[in-house]
């Protein structure tokens, strides 16, 4: 399934302290769109029926049924640089991506 790096786990745990809903987690979705076919969508919300919930040391990631096959073996990381900070998905299922790096294909 999806694994979290220590930096992703720490960043997510910090975000969930102020989450708007009790039991919320980071919803990681694959949605159709972008110039390569699929995009990632990230949001903080509670799990719904049928979702897969991954918990690691207080960090919770939520995957919907559609997204699971696209994210098998993926790693969620958190990076900080001069250009900003954010979550990065290292996905072995992505066979290509667009020039902007926002969408991918399988």
C-alpha atoms as a PDB file:
ATOM      1  CA  UNK A   1       0.000   0.000   0.000  1.00  0.00           C
ATOM      2  CA  UNK A   2       1.205   3.587   0.571  1.00  0.00           C
ATOM      3  CA  UNK A   3       4.101   4.184   2.952  1.00  0.00           C
ATOM      4  CA  UNK A   4       5.070   7.421   4.669  1.00  0.00           C
ATOM      5  CA  UNK A   5       8.570   8.739   5.156  1.00  0.00           C
ATOM      6  CA  UNK A   6       9.399  10.074   8.629  1.00  0.00           C
ATOM      7  CA  UNK A   7       9.204  13.669   7.340  1.00  0.00           C
ATOM      8  CA  UNK A   8       5.749  13.029   5.810  1.00  0.00           C
ATOM      9  CA  UNK A   9       4.554  11.394   9.013  1.00  0.00           C
ATOM     10  CA  UNK A  10       5.751  14.343  11.123  1.00  0.00           C
ATOM     11  CA  UNK A  11       4.230  16.956   8.789  1.00  0.00           C
ATOM     12  CA  UNK A  12       0.924  15.114   8.606  1.00  0.00           C
ATOM     13  CA  UNK A  13       0.727  14.600  12.355  1.00  0.00           C
ATOM     14  CA  UNK A  14       1.207  18.359  12.803  1.00  0.00           C
ATOM     15  CA  UNK A  15      -1.556  19.133  10.296  1.00  0.00           C
ATOM     16  CA  UNK A  16      -4.016  16.733  11.876  1.00  0.00           C
ATOM     17  CA  UNK A  17      -3.754  18.428  15.274  1.00  0.00           C
ATOM     18  CA  UNK A  18      -5.823  21.300  13.837  1.00  0.00           C
ATOM     19  CA  UNK A  19      -7.990  19.195  11.489  1.00  0.00           C
ATOM     20  CA  UNK A  20     -11.565  20.423  11.081  1.00  0.00           C
ATOM     21  CA  UNK A  21     -13.122  16.996  11.654  1.00  0.00           C
ATOM     22  CA  UNK A  22     -12.410  14.468  14.411  1.00  0.00           C
ATOM     23  CA  UNK A  23     -10.747  11.390  12.968  1.00  0.00           C
ATOM     24  CA  UNK A  24      -9.671  13.291   9.867  1.00  0.00           C
ATOM     25  CA  UNK A  25      -6.732  12.248   7.754  1.00  0.00           C
ATOM     26  CA  UNK A  26      -4.982  13.187   4.557  1.00  0.00           C
ATOM     27  CA  UNK A  27      -7.151  12.017   1.669  1.00  0.00           C
ATOM     28  CA  UNK A  28      -4.830  11.047  -1.176  1.00  0.00           C
ATOM     29  CA  UNK A  29      -6.804  10.620  -4.387  1.00  0.00           C
ATOM     30  CA  UNK A  30      -5.999   9.940  -8.010  1.00  0.00           C
ATOM     31  CA  UNK A  31      -8.430  11.828 -10.229  1.00  0.00           C
ATOM     32  CA  UNK A  32      -8.755  11.929 -14.012  1.00  0.00           C
ATOM     33  CA  UNK A  33      -7.305  15.136 -15.423  1.00  0.00           C
ATOM     34  CA  UNK A  34      -4.178  17.023 -16.293  1.00  0.00           C
ATOM     35  CA  UNK A  35      -2.268  16.795 -19.529  1.00  0.00           C
ATOM     36  CA  UNK A  36      -0.983  13.260 -18.810  1.00  0.00           C
ATOM     37  CA  UNK A  37      -4.275  11.676 -17.779  1.00  0.00           C
ATOM     38  CA  UNK A  38      -4.303  11.643 -13.953  1.00  0.00           C
ATOM     39  CA  UNK A  39      -3.643  14.073 -11.119  1.00  0.00           C
ATOM     40  CA  UNK A  40      -3.233  13.749  -7.368  1.00  0.00           C
ATOM     41  CA  UNK A  41      -5.696  15.442  -5.055  1.00  0.00           C
ATOM     42  CA  UNK A  42      -4.892  16.034  -1.369  1.00  0.00           C
ATOM     43  CA  UNK A  43      -7.349  17.201   1.282  1.00  0.00           C
ATOM     44  CA  UNK A  44      -7.948  16.884   5.017  1.00  0.00           C
ATOM     45  CA  UNK A  45     -11.187  15.082   5.799  1.00  0.00           C
ATOM     46  CA  UNK A  46     -12.748  12.079   7.512  1.00  0.00           C
ATOM     47  CA  UNK A  47     -12.912   8.619   5.954  1.00  0.00           C
ATOM     48  CA  UNK A  48     -16.044   7.452   4.137  1.00  0.00           C
ATOM     49  CA  UNK A  49     -17.506   3.960   3.828  1.00  0.00           C
ATOM     50  CA  UNK A  50     -15.317   1.822   1.585  1.00  0.00           C
ATOM     51  CA  UNK A  51     -12.160   3.894   2.101  1.00  0.00           C
ATOM     52  CA  UNK A  52      -8.829   2.320   3.019  1.00  0.00           C
ATOM     53  CA  UNK A  53      -7.251   4.000   6.067  1.00  0.00           C
ATOM     54  CA  UNK A  54      -3.524   3.745   6.683  1.00  0.00           C
ATOM     55  CA  UNK A  55      -2.325   4.817  10.131  1.00  0.00           C
ATOM     56  CA  UNK A  56       1.271   5.257  11.160  1.00  0.00           C
ATOM     57  CA  UNK A  57       2.272   6.809  14.497  1.00  0.00           C
ATOM     58  CA  UNK A  58      -0.699   9.204  14.604  1.00  0.00           C
ATOM     59  CA  UNK A  59      -0.611  10.050  10.896  1.00  0.00           C
ATOM     60  CA  UNK A  60      -3.647   8.923   8.902  1.00  0.00           C
ATOM     61  CA  UNK A  61      -3.850   8.593   5.105  1.00  0.00           C
ATOM     62  CA  UNK A  62      -7.188   7.842   3.450  1.00  0.00           C
ATOM     63  CA  UNK A  63      -7.496   6.221   0.016  1.00  0.00           C
ATOM     64  CA  UNK A  64     -10.679   5.700  -1.978  1.00  0.00           C
ATOM     65  CA  UNK A  65     -11.369   2.514  -3.943  1.00  0.00           C
ATOM     66  CA  UNK A  66     -10.651   4.101  -7.327  1.00  0.00           C
ATOM     67  CA  UNK A  67      -7.214   5.372  -6.244  1.00  0.00           C
ATOM     68  CA  UNK A  68      -5.859   2.229  -4.577  1.00  0.00           C
ATOM     69  CA  UNK A  69      -4.659   0.417  -7.740  1.00  0.00           C
ATOM     70  CA  UNK A  70      -2.836   3.551  -8.911  1.00  0.00           C
ATOM     71  CA  UNK A  71      -1.057   3.997  -5.555  1.00  0.00           C
ATOM     72  CA  UNK A  72       0.124   0.463  -4.725  1.00  0.00           C
ATOM     73  CA  UNK A  73       3.727   0.726  -3.563  1.00  0.00           C
ATOM     74  CA  UNK A  74       3.716   4.541  -3.552  1.00  0.00           C
ATOM     75  CA  UNK A  75       5.649   6.547  -0.974  1.00  0.00           C
ATOM     76  CA  UNK A  76       4.401   9.812   0.514  1.00  0.00           C
ATOM     77  CA  UNK A  77       7.195  12.209   1.385  1.00  0.00           C
ATOM     78  CA  UNK A  78       7.334  15.811   2.620  1.00  0.00           C
ATOM     79  CA  UNK A  79       9.985  18.154   1.272  1.00  0.00           C
ATOM     80  CA  UNK A  80      11.008  21.686   2.135  1.00  0.00           C
ATOM     81  CA  UNK A  81      13.042  23.856  -0.242  1.00  0.00           C
ATOM     82  CA  UNK A  82      13.603  27.480  -1.155  1.00  0.00           C
ATOM     83  CA  UNK A  83      10.658  27.231  -3.537  1.00  0.00           C
ATOM     84  CA  UNK A  84       8.238  26.001  -0.884  1.00  0.00           C
ATOM     85  CA  UNK A  85       7.184  22.954   1.062  1.00  0.00           C
ATOM     86  CA  UNK A  86       4.711  20.180   0.464  1.00  0.00           C
ATOM     87  CA  UNK A  87       3.903  16.531   0.099  1.00  0.00           C
ATOM     88  CA  UNK A  88       5.532  14.592  -2.734  1.00  0.00           C
ATOM     89  CA  UNK A  89       4.202  11.291  -4.063  1.00  0.00           C
ATOM     90  CA  UNK A  90       6.849   8.871  -5.313  1.00  0.00           C
ATOM     91  CA  UNK A  91       4.723   6.501  -7.368  1.00  0.00           C
ATOM     92  CA  UNK A  92       6.271   3.455  -9.072  1.00  0.00           C
ATOM     93  CA  UNK A  93       3.070   3.025 -11.129  1.00  0.00           C
ATOM     94  CA  UNK A  94       3.515   6.341 -12.953  1.00  0.00           C
ATOM     95  CA  UNK A  95       5.101   5.623 -16.318  1.00  0.00           C
ATOM     96  CA  UNK A  96       5.366   9.258 -17.343  1.00  0.00           C
ATOM     97  CA  UNK A  97       4.455  12.787 -16.331  1.00  0.00           C
ATOM     98  CA  UNK A  98       3.890  16.151 -17.908  1.00  0.00           C
ATOM     99  CA  UNK A  99       6.441  18.952 -18.001  1.00  0.00           C
ATOM    100  CA  UNK A 100       4.952  20.724 -14.988  1.00  0.00           C
ATOM    101  CA  UNK A 101       5.051  17.528 -12.905  1.00  0.00           C
ATOM    102  CA  UNK A 102       1.433  17.920 -11.762  1.00  0.00           C
ATOM    103  CA  UNK A 103      -0.067  15.030 -13.705  1.00  0.00           C
ATOM    104  CA  UNK A 104       1.003  11.501 -14.583  1.00  0.00           C
ATOM    105  CA  UNK A 105       0.129   8.510 -16.726  1.00  0.00           C
ATOM    106  CA  UNK A 106       0.169   4.793 -16.035  1.00  0.00           C
END
